[in-house]
Amino acid sequence: MSEILNPHKRERRKQHRPGELLEAALDLFVEKGFAATRSEEVAARAGVSKGTLFLYFPSKEELFKAVVRENVVKPVTEGALEFANYQGGSGALLKYLMLAWWRRYGSTKASGISKMIISEANNFPDLAAFYQEEVIVPAMRLLNDVLERGRSQGEFKNFNTDHTAMAVIAPMLFLIMSKHSSALCHAGSKQMDPEEFIAQHADLLVRGLSASN
């Protein structure tokens, strides 16, 4: 009744609805996975009908793509913009981007999307291809650009950039898998601080890449 009496409130609610649907979808995809999440569950969690959901996102696949673009693509895009405007050394830039990635993505619930895509990629090849094109390729391109920048400026020695980019990513993916998989957590072990781990990992990488060694 209040929305009928106040059309401005109803309009504000409508404007926020896509974000509410994406938030609900993110929660369920991380909790249950893509296959087990039903569109009607997303709609119910967002407080709308299934028909309303499909007005904004015509299929579960399109909903998932929107979730990825909002939560996974955005941190990569932000990193690429920072790379384009960065004036300092490449070693410092690499360290900064690694920590920024964790703070913007790895430390958030959205990082569960990475675990989900690894778990379900074989069953949903079209979504895996989408994730490859929109997330993995740009992320690898950014890392390669940082590494090539350091090498061209004489700060880094010669190395295989593709292999080195994977050496950057692999331990960080392990952090995400550990965060979202209790089986990877050792009972009674000391809780690891992710930012300290990434800082040390980045320092080892930069030391190893340094042309002065």
Protein backbone atom coordinates (compact mmCIF):
# COMPACT_ATOMS: atom_id res chain seq x y z
CA MET A 1 0.00 0.00 0.00
CA SER A 2 2.80 2.41 0.88
CA GLU A 3 4.34 1.97 -2.59
CA ILE A 4 0.99 2.71 -4.23
CA LEU A 5 0.70 5.91 -2.18
CA ASN A 6 4.33 6.81 -2.83
CA PRO A 7 5.27 6.29 -6.51
CA HIS A 8 8.78 7.65 -5.88
CA LYS A 9 9.44 4.84 -3.40
CA ARG A 10 8.19 2.31 -5.93
CA GLU A 11 10.49 3.78 -8.59
CA ARG A 12 13.49 3.64 -6.23
CA ARG A 13 12.67 0.01 -5.48
CA LYS A 14 12.51 -0.76 -9.20
CA GLN A 15 15.88 0.90 -9.82
CA HIS A 16 17.51 -1.19 -7.08
CA ARG A 17 15.91 -4.45 -8.16
CA PRO A 18 18.64 -5.63 -10.59
CA GLY A 19 21.23 -5.21 -7.86
CA GLU A 20 19.05 -7.08 -5.37
CA LEU A 21 18.62 -9.93 -7.84
CA LEU A 22 22.36 -10.10 -8.51
CA GLU A 23 23.08 -10.15 -4.77
CA ALA A 24 20.59 -12.98 -4.22
CA ALA A 25 21.99 -14.91 -7.18
CA LEU A 26 25.57 -14.48 -5.95
CA ASP A 27 24.60 -15.83 -2.53
CA LEU A 28 22.95 -18.91 -4.00
CA PHE A 29 25.57 -19.66 -6.65
CA VAL A 30 28.27 -19.58 -3.96
CA GLU A 31 26.19 -21.60 -1.47
CA LYS A 32 24.80 -24.24 -3.84
CA GLY A 33 26.63 -24.05 -7.17
CA PHE A 34 25.20 -23.26 -10.59
CA ALA A 35 23.42 -26.54 -11.29
CA ALA A 36 21.64 -26.72 -7.93
CA THR A 37 20.49 -23.09 -7.92
CA ARG A 38 16.97 -22.60 -9.28
CA SER A 39 15.72 -19.34 -10.72
CA GLU A 40 12.66 -19.34 -8.45
CA GLU A 41 14.99 -19.55 -5.43
CA VAL A 42 16.82 -16.44 -6.58
CA ALA A 43 13.56 -14.60 -7.11
CA ALA A 44 12.24 -15.64 -3.70
CA ARG A 45 15.41 -14.54 -1.93
CA ALA A 46 15.21 -11.16 -3.67
CA GLY A 47 11.52 -10.88 -2.74
CA VAL A 48 10.11 -10.89 -6.28
CA SER A 49 8.33 -13.32 -8.58
CA LYS A 50 10.11 -15.58 -11.06
CA GLY A 51 8.46 -13.58 -13.84
CA THR A 52 10.00 -10.37 -12.50
CA LEU A 53 13.42 -12.03 -12.44
CA PHE A 54 13.09 -12.96 -16.10
CA LEU A 55 12.18 -9.38 -17.01
CA TYR A 56 15.73 -8.42 -16.05
CA PHE A 57 17.60 -11.66 -16.78
CA PRO A 58 15.90 -13.95 -19.35
CA SER A 59 17.68 -17.13 -18.20
CA LYS A 60 19.77 -18.51 -15.35
CA GLU A 61 22.78 -18.45 -17.67
CA GLU A 62 22.34 -14.72 -18.34
CA LEU A 63 21.89 -14.12 -14.62
CA PHE A 64 25.16 -15.93 -13.91
CA LYS A 65 26.98 -13.88 -16.56
CA ALA A 66 25.69 -10.68 -14.99
CA VAL A 67 26.89 -11.85 -11.55
CA VAL A 68 30.35 -12.57 -12.98
CA ARG A 69 30.56 -9.21 -14.75
CA GLU A 70 29.55 -7.36 -11.60
CA ASN A 71 31.72 -9.25 -9.12
CA VAL A 72 34.61 -10.89 -10.97
CA VAL A 73 35.26 -8.86 -14.12
CA LYS A 74 35.12 -5.52 -12.30
CA PRO A 75 38.23 -6.09 -10.10
CA VAL A 76 40.24 -7.10 -13.19
CA THR A 77 39.06 -4.00 -15.04
CA GLU A 78 40.00 -1.78 -12.09
CA GLY A 79 43.47 -3.33 -12.03
CA ALA A 80 43.93 -2.71 -15.75
CA LEU A 81 43.03 0.97 -15.31
CA GLU A 82 45.51 1.31 -12.47
CA PHE A 83 48.21 -0.35 -14.58
CA ALA A 84 47.59 2.12 -17.40
CA ASN A 85 48.09 5.10 -15.07
CA TYR A 86 50.89 3.74 -12.87
CA GLN A 87 54.22 5.60 -12.91
CA GLY A 88 56.35 3.65 -10.39
CA GLY A 89 58.40 0.48 -10.51
CA SER A 90 56.95 -2.75 -11.85
CA GLY A 91 57.85 -4.76 -8.76
CA ALA A 92 55.87 -2.41 -6.54
CA LEU A 93 53.03 -2.47 -9.06
CA LEU A 94 52.90 -6.27 -9.08
CA LYS A 95 52.79 -6.36 -5.27
CA TYR A 96 50.05 -3.73 -5.16
CA LEU A 97 47.86 -5.46 -7.76
CA MET A 98 48.14 -8.82 -6.02
CA LEU A 99 46.98 -7.37 -2.69
CA ALA A 100 44.32 -5.25 -4.37
CA TRP A 101 42.91 -8.34 -6.08
CA TRP A 102 42.57 -10.08 -2.74
CA ARG A 103 40.92 -7.11 -1.06
CA ARG A 104 38.50 -6.48 -3.92
CA TYR A 105 37.69 -10.08 -4.77
CA GLY A 106 39.51 -12.85 -2.91
CA SER A 107 38.40 -11.70 0.53
CA THR A 108 34.75 -11.31 -0.53
CA LYS A 109 32.04 -13.94 -0.84
CA ALA A 110 32.17 -13.42 -4.62
CA SER A 111 35.44 -15.38 -4.68
CA GLY A 112 33.29 -18.50 -4.31
CA ILE A 113 32.48 -18.07 -8.00
CA SER A 114 36.04 -19.16 -8.82
CA LYS A 115 35.59 -22.39 -6.89
CA MET A 116 32.19 -22.92 -8.50
CA ILE A 117 33.49 -22.50 -12.04
CA ILE A 118 36.38 -24.90 -11.37
CA SER A 119 33.95 -27.48 -9.97
CA GLU A 120 31.28 -27.22 -12.66
CA ALA A 121 33.10 -26.11 -15.82
CA ASN A 122 33.00 -29.55 -17.44
CA ASN A 123 29.21 -29.72 -17.08
CA PHE A 124 28.63 -26.21 -18.45
CA PRO A 125 31.18 -25.65 -21.25
CA ASP A 126 29.44 -22.51 -22.56
CA LEU A 127 29.70 -20.83 -19.17
CA ALA A 128 33.30 -22.02 -18.84
CA ALA A 129 34.09 -20.44 -22.22
CA PHE A 130 32.40 -17.21 -21.12
CA TYR A 131 34.44 -17.16 -17.90
CA GLN A 132 37.62 -17.85 -19.84
CA GLU A 133 36.96 -14.96 -22.24
CA GLU A 134 35.76 -12.37 -19.74
CA VAL A 135 37.85 -13.18 -16.66
CA ILE A 136 40.85 -15.42 -17.26
CA VAL A 137 42.08 -13.93 -20.54
CA PRO A 138 41.96 -10.28 -19.30
CA ALA A 139 43.54 -11.24 -15.96
CA MET A 140 46.39 -13.09 -17.67
CA ARG A 141 46.83 -10.20 -20.11
CA LEU A 142 47.14 -7.75 -17.22
CA LEU A 143 49.75 -9.90 -15.47
CA ASN A 144 51.70 -10.37 -18.69
CA ASP A 145 51.62 -6.60 -19.29
CA VAL A 146 53.03 -5.93 -15.81
CA LEU A 147 55.77 -8.51 -16.28
CA GLU A 148 56.67 -7.26 -19.76
CA ARG A 149 56.75 -3.71 -18.43
CA GLY A 150 59.29 -4.71 -15.80
CA ARG A 151 61.40 -6.56 -18.31
CA SER A 152 61.36 -3.79 -20.92
CA GLN A 153 62.44 -1.26 -18.27
CA GLY A 154 65.32 -3.49 -17.18
CA GLU A 155 63.87 -4.06 -13.71
CA PHE A 156 63.11 -7.76 -14.36
CA LYS A 157 65.34 -10.38 -15.93
CA ASN A 158 64.30 -12.47 -18.97
CA PHE A 159 61.77 -15.22 -18.24
CA ASN A 160 58.72 -16.96 -19.67
CA THR A 161 55.89 -14.53 -18.94
CA ASP A 162 53.10 -17.11 -19.30
CA HIS A 163 54.72 -19.45 -16.78
CA THR A 164 55.47 -16.58 -14.43
CA ALA A 165 51.89 -15.31 -14.62
CA MET A 166 50.69 -18.78 -13.60
CA ALA A 167 53.19 -18.74 -10.73
CA VAL A 168 51.55 -15.51 -9.56
CA ILE A 169 48.00 -16.86 -9.78
CA ALA A 170 48.29 -20.44 -8.52
CA PRO A 171 48.93 -19.74 -4.79
CA MET A 172 46.20 -17.09 -4.81
CA LEU A 173 43.70 -19.55 -6.23
CA PHE A 174 44.75 -21.96 -3.49
CA LEU A 175 43.78 -19.30 -0.94
CA ILE A 176 40.32 -19.07 -2.49
CA MET A 177 39.88 -22.84 -2.61
CA SER A 178 40.97 -23.06 1.03
CA LYS A 179 38.54 -20.34 2.01
CA HIS A 180 35.57 -22.09 0.37
CA SER A 181 36.55 -25.73 0.99
CA SER A 182 36.67 -26.84 4.62
CA ALA A 183 38.39 -30.07 3.55
CA LEU A 184 41.50 -28.02 2.78
CA CYS A 185 41.65 -26.59 6.29
CA HIS A 186 43.76 -28.61 8.70
CA ALA A 187 42.18 -29.08 12.11
CA GLY A 188 44.19 -27.40 14.83
CA SER A 189 46.47 -25.57 12.40
CA LYS A 190 47.25 -21.90 12.86
CA GLN A 191 44.98 -19.62 10.85
CA MET A 192 46.93 -18.08 7.98
CA ASP A 193 46.58 -14.37 7.28
CA PRO A 194 45.84 -14.13 3.52
CA GLU A 195 47.29 -10.64 3.12
CA GLU A 196 50.52 -11.62 4.86
CA PHE A 197 50.73 -14.71 2.66
CA ILE A 198 50.18 -12.69 -0.53
CA ALA A 199 52.69 -10.03 0.55
CA GLN A 200 55.34 -12.70 1.16
CA HIS A 201 54.49 -14.49 -2.08
CA ALA A 202 54.76 -11.20 -3.99
CA ASP A 203 58.07 -10.37 -2.32
CA LEU A 204 59.55 -13.76 -3.28
CA LEU A 205 58.37 -13.30 -6.86
CA VAL A 206 59.81 -9.81 -7.21
CA ARG A 207 63.12 -10.88 -5.67
CA GLY A 208 63.32 -13.80 -8.07
CA LEU A 209 62.47 -11.65 -11.08
CA SER A 210 64.85 -8.83 -10.20
CA ALA A 211 67.50 -8.22 -12.85
CA SER A 212 69.93 -7.21 -10.11
CA ASN A 213 70.17 -10.78 -8.78
